[in-house]
N, C-alpha and C. Protein backbone atom coordinates (compact mmCIF):
# COMPACT_ATOMS: atom_id res chain seq x y z
N MET A 1 -64.57 17.82 12.84
CA MET A 1 -63.97 17.17 13.98
C MET A 1 -63.19 15.94 13.51
N LYS A 2 -62.18 15.62 14.29
CA LYS A 2 -61.39 14.45 14.01
C LYS A 2 -61.33 13.57 15.24
N TRP A 3 -61.28 12.27 15.00
CA TRP A 3 -61.25 11.27 16.06
C TRP A 3 -60.12 10.30 15.76
N LYS A 4 -59.41 9.88 16.81
CA LYS A 4 -58.29 8.96 16.63
C LYS A 4 -58.55 7.66 17.37
N CYS A 5 -58.36 6.55 16.67
CA CYS A 5 -58.48 5.24 17.29
C CYS A 5 -57.27 5.02 18.19
N SER A 6 -57.53 4.73 19.46
CA SER A 6 -56.43 4.53 20.40
C SER A 6 -55.76 3.17 20.23
N VAL A 7 -56.36 2.31 19.44
CA VAL A 7 -55.79 0.98 19.20
C VAL A 7 -54.78 1.02 18.04
N CYS A 8 -55.21 1.59 16.90
CA CYS A 8 -54.35 1.52 15.70
C CYS A 8 -53.88 2.89 15.18
N GLY A 9 -54.46 3.98 15.67
CA GLY A 9 -54.05 5.31 15.22
C GLY A 9 -54.83 5.86 14.04
N TYR A 10 -55.81 5.12 13.55
CA TYR A 10 -56.63 5.58 12.43
C TYR A 10 -57.27 6.92 12.78
N ILE A 11 -57.27 7.86 11.82
CA ILE A 11 -57.90 9.17 12.01
C ILE A 11 -59.20 9.20 11.23
N HIS A 12 -60.29 9.53 11.92
CA HIS A 12 -61.61 9.62 11.31
C HIS A 12 -62.06 11.08 11.31
N ASP A 13 -62.58 11.55 10.18
CA ASP A 13 -63.16 12.88 10.08
C ASP A 13 -64.68 12.75 10.16
N GLY A 14 -65.30 13.48 11.07
CA GLY A 14 -66.75 13.43 11.18
C GLY A 14 -67.21 14.05 12.49
N ASN A 15 -68.53 14.24 12.60
CA ASN A 15 -69.10 14.84 13.80
C ASN A 15 -69.02 13.92 15.01
N SER A 16 -68.89 12.62 14.76
CA SER A 16 -68.73 11.67 15.85
C SER A 16 -67.82 10.53 15.39
N ALA A 17 -67.33 9.78 16.34
CA ALA A 17 -66.48 8.63 16.02
C ALA A 17 -67.32 7.57 15.31
N PRO A 18 -66.70 6.78 14.45
CA PRO A 18 -67.46 5.69 13.80
C PRO A 18 -67.82 4.61 14.83
N ASP A 19 -68.83 3.82 14.51
CA ASP A 19 -69.24 2.75 15.43
C ASP A 19 -68.13 1.73 15.63
N VAL A 20 -67.39 1.46 14.55
CA VAL A 20 -66.22 0.58 14.64
C VAL A 20 -65.11 1.18 13.77
N CYS A 21 -63.89 0.95 14.16
CA CYS A 21 -62.75 1.45 13.40
C CYS A 21 -62.67 0.71 12.06
N PRO A 22 -62.64 1.46 10.95
CA PRO A 22 -62.54 0.81 9.64
C PRO A 22 -61.25 0.01 9.45
N LYS A 23 -60.21 0.39 10.19
CA LYS A 23 -58.91 -0.28 10.02
C LYS A 23 -58.80 -1.53 10.90
N CYS A 24 -59.08 -1.40 12.20
CA CYS A 24 -58.80 -2.51 13.12
C CYS A 24 -60.05 -3.13 13.74
N GLY A 25 -61.23 -2.48 13.55
CA GLY A 25 -62.46 -3.04 14.09
C GLY A 25 -62.73 -2.69 15.55
N ALA A 26 -61.90 -1.82 16.14
CA ALA A 26 -62.12 -1.44 17.54
C ALA A 26 -63.46 -0.72 17.68
N PRO A 27 -64.11 -0.84 18.83
CA PRO A 27 -65.41 -0.19 19.03
C PRO A 27 -65.26 1.33 19.18
N LYS A 28 -66.37 2.00 19.02
CA LYS A 28 -66.45 3.47 19.10
C LYS A 28 -65.78 4.02 20.36
N GLU A 29 -65.89 3.30 21.46
CA GLU A 29 -65.34 3.76 22.73
C GLU A 29 -63.81 3.92 22.70
N LYS A 30 -63.18 3.30 21.74
CA LYS A 30 -61.71 3.38 21.65
C LYS A 30 -61.25 4.63 20.90
N PHE A 31 -62.19 5.43 20.40
CA PHE A 31 -61.84 6.67 19.70
C PHE A 31 -61.78 7.83 20.67
N GLU A 32 -60.80 8.69 20.46
CA GLU A 32 -60.64 9.90 21.27
C GLU A 32 -60.74 11.11 20.36
N ARG A 33 -61.42 12.13 20.81
CA ARG A 33 -61.54 13.39 20.05
C ARG A 33 -60.18 14.04 20.00
N ILE A 34 -59.80 14.49 18.81
CA ILE A 34 -58.53 15.21 18.63
C ILE A 34 -58.78 16.69 18.87
N VAL A 35 -57.92 17.33 19.66
CA VAL A 35 -58.10 18.74 19.98
C VAL A 35 -57.87 19.61 18.75
N ALA A 36 -58.47 20.80 18.77
CA ALA A 36 -58.51 21.68 17.61
C ALA A 36 -57.13 22.04 17.06
N ASP A 37 -56.16 22.34 17.92
CA ASP A 37 -54.85 22.74 17.40
C ASP A 37 -54.16 21.57 16.69
N ILE A 38 -54.38 20.34 17.16
CA ILE A 38 -53.82 19.17 16.48
C ILE A 38 -54.56 18.91 15.18
N GLU A 39 -55.87 19.16 15.16
CA GLU A 39 -56.65 19.03 13.92
C GLU A 39 -56.06 19.91 12.82
N GLN A 40 -55.72 21.15 13.18
CA GLN A 40 -55.15 22.08 12.20
C GLN A 40 -53.81 21.57 11.67
N ILE A 41 -52.98 21.01 12.55
CA ILE A 41 -51.70 20.45 12.11
C ILE A 41 -51.93 19.27 11.17
N ILE A 42 -52.90 18.42 11.50
CA ILE A 42 -53.21 17.28 10.64
C ILE A 42 -53.67 17.76 9.26
N ASP A 43 -54.56 18.75 9.23
CA ASP A 43 -55.04 19.27 7.94
C ASP A 43 -53.89 19.83 7.10
N ARG A 44 -53.03 20.61 7.72
CA ARG A 44 -51.88 21.17 6.98
C ARG A 44 -50.94 20.06 6.53
N SER A 45 -50.69 19.10 7.39
CA SER A 45 -49.74 18.05 7.04
C SER A 45 -50.28 17.13 5.95
N ARG A 46 -51.59 16.95 5.90
CA ARG A 46 -52.16 16.13 4.81
C ARG A 46 -51.76 16.71 3.46
N LYS A 47 -51.84 18.02 3.34
CA LYS A 47 -51.47 18.67 2.08
C LYS A 47 -49.98 18.47 1.80
N THR A 48 -49.13 18.77 2.77
CA THR A 48 -47.69 18.66 2.56
C THR A 48 -47.26 17.23 2.30
N ASN A 49 -47.82 16.29 3.05
CA ASN A 49 -47.47 14.89 2.84
C ASN A 49 -47.86 14.42 1.44
N GLN A 50 -49.01 14.87 0.96
CA GLN A 50 -49.42 14.51 -0.39
C GLN A 50 -48.47 15.13 -1.42
N LEU A 51 -48.00 16.34 -1.16
CA LEU A 51 -47.02 16.95 -2.06
C LEU A 51 -45.73 16.13 -2.10
N HIS A 52 -45.30 15.63 -0.94
CA HIS A 52 -44.11 14.77 -0.90
C HIS A 52 -44.35 13.49 -1.72
N ILE A 53 -45.51 12.90 -1.58
CA ILE A 53 -45.82 11.68 -2.33
C ILE A 53 -45.83 11.96 -3.82
N ASN A 54 -46.44 13.07 -4.23
CA ASN A 54 -46.46 13.45 -5.64
C ASN A 54 -45.04 13.68 -6.17
N LEU A 55 -44.23 14.36 -5.37
CA LEU A 55 -42.84 14.62 -5.75
C LEU A 55 -42.08 13.31 -5.92
N MET A 56 -42.25 12.39 -4.98
CA MET A 56 -41.56 11.10 -5.09
C MET A 56 -41.99 10.34 -6.34
N HIS A 57 -43.26 10.44 -6.68
CA HIS A 57 -43.74 9.79 -7.91
C HIS A 57 -43.06 10.40 -9.14
N LEU A 58 -43.02 11.71 -9.20
CA LEU A 58 -42.37 12.37 -10.33
C LEU A 58 -40.88 12.05 -10.40
N LEU A 59 -40.24 11.97 -9.24
CA LEU A 59 -38.82 11.63 -9.22
C LEU A 59 -38.57 10.20 -9.66
N SER A 60 -39.52 9.32 -9.45
CA SER A 60 -39.41 7.95 -9.98
C SER A 60 -39.41 7.99 -11.50
N LYS A 61 -40.24 8.87 -12.05
CA LYS A 61 -40.27 9.03 -13.51
C LYS A 61 -38.94 9.60 -14.02
N VAL A 62 -38.38 10.59 -13.30
CA VAL A 62 -37.08 11.15 -13.67
C VAL A 62 -36.04 10.03 -13.70
N SER A 63 -36.07 9.17 -12.71
CA SER A 63 -35.13 8.06 -12.64
C SER A 63 -35.30 7.11 -13.83
N GLU A 64 -36.55 6.85 -14.22
CA GLU A 64 -36.81 5.99 -15.39
C GLU A 64 -36.24 6.62 -16.67
N PHE A 65 -36.46 7.93 -16.85
CA PHE A 65 -35.91 8.61 -18.02
C PHE A 65 -34.39 8.59 -17.99
N ALA A 66 -33.83 8.80 -16.82
CA ALA A 66 -32.38 8.77 -16.67
C ALA A 66 -31.84 7.39 -17.02
N ASP A 67 -32.50 6.33 -16.59
CA ASP A 67 -32.08 4.97 -16.94
C ASP A 67 -32.07 4.78 -18.45
N ALA A 68 -33.11 5.28 -19.12
CA ALA A 68 -33.17 5.16 -20.58
C ALA A 68 -32.02 5.93 -21.23
N GLY A 69 -31.71 7.11 -20.72
CA GLY A 69 -30.60 7.89 -21.25
C GLY A 69 -29.25 7.23 -21.00
N ILE A 70 -29.11 6.62 -19.83
CA ILE A 70 -27.86 5.91 -19.50
C ILE A 70 -27.70 4.71 -20.43
N GLU A 71 -28.79 4.00 -20.66
CA GLU A 71 -28.74 2.85 -21.56
C GLU A 71 -28.42 3.27 -22.99
N ASP A 72 -28.99 4.38 -23.43
CA ASP A 72 -28.74 4.88 -24.78
C ASP A 72 -27.28 5.29 -24.95
N ASN A 73 -26.73 5.97 -23.94
CA ASN A 73 -25.30 6.31 -23.89
C ASN A 73 -24.79 6.94 -25.19
N LEU A 74 -25.48 7.99 -25.63
CA LEU A 74 -25.10 8.64 -26.88
C LEU A 74 -23.69 9.18 -26.85
N ASP A 75 -23.36 9.89 -25.81
CA ASP A 75 -22.00 10.44 -25.68
C ASP A 75 -21.73 10.74 -24.21
N PRO A 76 -20.47 11.03 -23.86
CA PRO A 76 -20.12 11.24 -22.44
C PRO A 76 -20.90 12.38 -21.79
N GLY A 77 -21.18 13.44 -22.52
CA GLY A 77 -21.93 14.56 -21.95
C GLY A 77 -23.35 14.15 -21.56
N CYS A 78 -24.02 13.44 -22.46
CA CYS A 78 -25.38 12.96 -22.17
C CYS A 78 -25.36 11.97 -21.02
N LEU A 79 -24.42 11.05 -21.05
CA LEU A 79 -24.32 10.05 -19.99
C LEU A 79 -24.17 10.73 -18.63
N SER A 80 -23.34 11.75 -18.56
CA SER A 80 -23.11 12.47 -17.32
C SER A 80 -24.39 13.13 -16.80
N VAL A 81 -25.13 13.76 -17.70
CA VAL A 81 -26.39 14.41 -17.31
C VAL A 81 -27.37 13.39 -16.75
N PHE A 82 -27.53 12.27 -17.44
CA PHE A 82 -28.48 11.26 -17.00
C PHE A 82 -28.05 10.61 -15.68
N GLN A 83 -26.77 10.39 -15.50
CA GLN A 83 -26.28 9.83 -14.24
C GLN A 83 -26.53 10.79 -13.08
N LYS A 84 -26.27 12.07 -13.32
CA LYS A 84 -26.52 13.07 -12.27
C LYS A 84 -28.01 13.18 -11.96
N ALA A 85 -28.85 13.11 -12.98
CA ALA A 85 -30.30 13.18 -12.77
C ALA A 85 -30.77 12.00 -11.93
N LYS A 86 -30.25 10.82 -12.25
CA LYS A 86 -30.64 9.62 -11.50
C LYS A 86 -30.22 9.74 -10.02
N LYS A 87 -29.01 10.20 -9.80
CA LYS A 87 -28.50 10.35 -8.43
C LYS A 87 -29.32 11.40 -7.66
N ALA A 88 -29.58 12.54 -8.29
CA ALA A 88 -30.33 13.60 -7.63
C ALA A 88 -31.76 13.15 -7.32
N ALA A 89 -32.39 12.45 -8.26
CA ALA A 89 -33.76 11.96 -8.04
C ALA A 89 -33.79 11.01 -6.84
N TRP A 90 -32.81 10.11 -6.75
CA TRP A 90 -32.76 9.17 -5.64
C TRP A 90 -32.57 9.91 -4.32
N GLU A 91 -31.65 10.87 -4.28
CA GLU A 91 -31.38 11.59 -3.03
C GLU A 91 -32.60 12.39 -2.56
N ILE A 92 -33.27 13.06 -3.47
CA ILE A 92 -34.44 13.86 -3.09
C ILE A 92 -35.59 12.94 -2.65
N ARG A 93 -35.76 11.80 -3.32
CA ARG A 93 -36.77 10.84 -2.87
C ARG A 93 -36.48 10.38 -1.45
N GLN A 94 -35.22 10.11 -1.15
CA GLN A 94 -34.85 9.68 0.20
C GLN A 94 -35.13 10.79 1.22
N MET A 95 -34.87 12.04 0.84
CA MET A 95 -35.15 13.15 1.75
C MET A 95 -36.64 13.28 2.01
N SER A 96 -37.47 13.11 0.98
CA SER A 96 -38.92 13.18 1.17
C SER A 96 -39.41 12.05 2.06
N LYS A 97 -38.88 10.85 1.87
CA LYS A 97 -39.26 9.72 2.72
C LYS A 97 -38.90 10.01 4.18
N ALA A 98 -37.71 10.55 4.39
CA ALA A 98 -37.28 10.88 5.75
C ALA A 98 -38.17 11.96 6.35
N GLU A 99 -38.57 12.93 5.56
CA GLU A 99 -39.43 14.00 6.06
C GLU A 99 -40.81 13.46 6.45
N ILE A 100 -41.35 12.57 5.64
CA ILE A 100 -42.64 11.96 5.98
C ILE A 100 -42.51 11.16 7.27
N ALA A 101 -41.40 10.45 7.45
CA ALA A 101 -41.18 9.69 8.69
C ALA A 101 -41.17 10.63 9.90
N VAL A 102 -40.55 11.79 9.74
CA VAL A 102 -40.55 12.79 10.82
C VAL A 102 -41.98 13.25 11.10
N HIS A 103 -42.74 13.51 10.04
CA HIS A 103 -44.13 13.94 10.22
C HIS A 103 -44.93 12.90 10.99
N VAL A 104 -44.77 11.64 10.62
CA VAL A 104 -45.51 10.58 11.30
C VAL A 104 -45.12 10.54 12.78
N SER A 105 -43.83 10.65 13.06
CA SER A 105 -43.38 10.59 14.46
C SER A 105 -43.87 11.78 15.29
N LYS A 106 -44.19 12.89 14.63
CA LYS A 106 -44.69 14.08 15.33
C LYS A 106 -46.20 14.22 15.20
N GLN A 107 -46.87 13.15 14.79
CA GLN A 107 -48.33 13.12 14.60
C GLN A 107 -48.81 14.13 13.56
N LYS A 108 -47.95 14.45 12.60
CA LYS A 108 -48.35 15.32 11.49
C LYS A 108 -48.78 14.44 10.32
N TRP A 109 -49.78 13.63 10.60
CA TRP A 109 -50.26 12.67 9.61
C TRP A 109 -51.71 12.42 9.95
N GLY A 110 -52.47 12.01 9.00
CA GLY A 110 -53.85 11.67 9.31
C GLY A 110 -54.73 11.81 8.14
């Protein structure tokens, strides 16, 4: 079962709501049981959102390698590859951030 704090939006997993919200300190009475179909969406979205976070982390590494290649500047061909890699990594990171924002706005988070 999942419970949502009506004050701050914290999602709690358990057979009952916590006595106080770990995030904002609201009392147990401020928690509402999340219906089963929304629970399933939250469970699925937790996996996908974590994949987005992992992807963004890896793309940060791609950007770091690209920066090193750009700084090294061995030849025009290498420079072009590293510049394109840096640009692509930034664009995909931005797309993942936007997708997570959409998930949050549709309550696909928790």
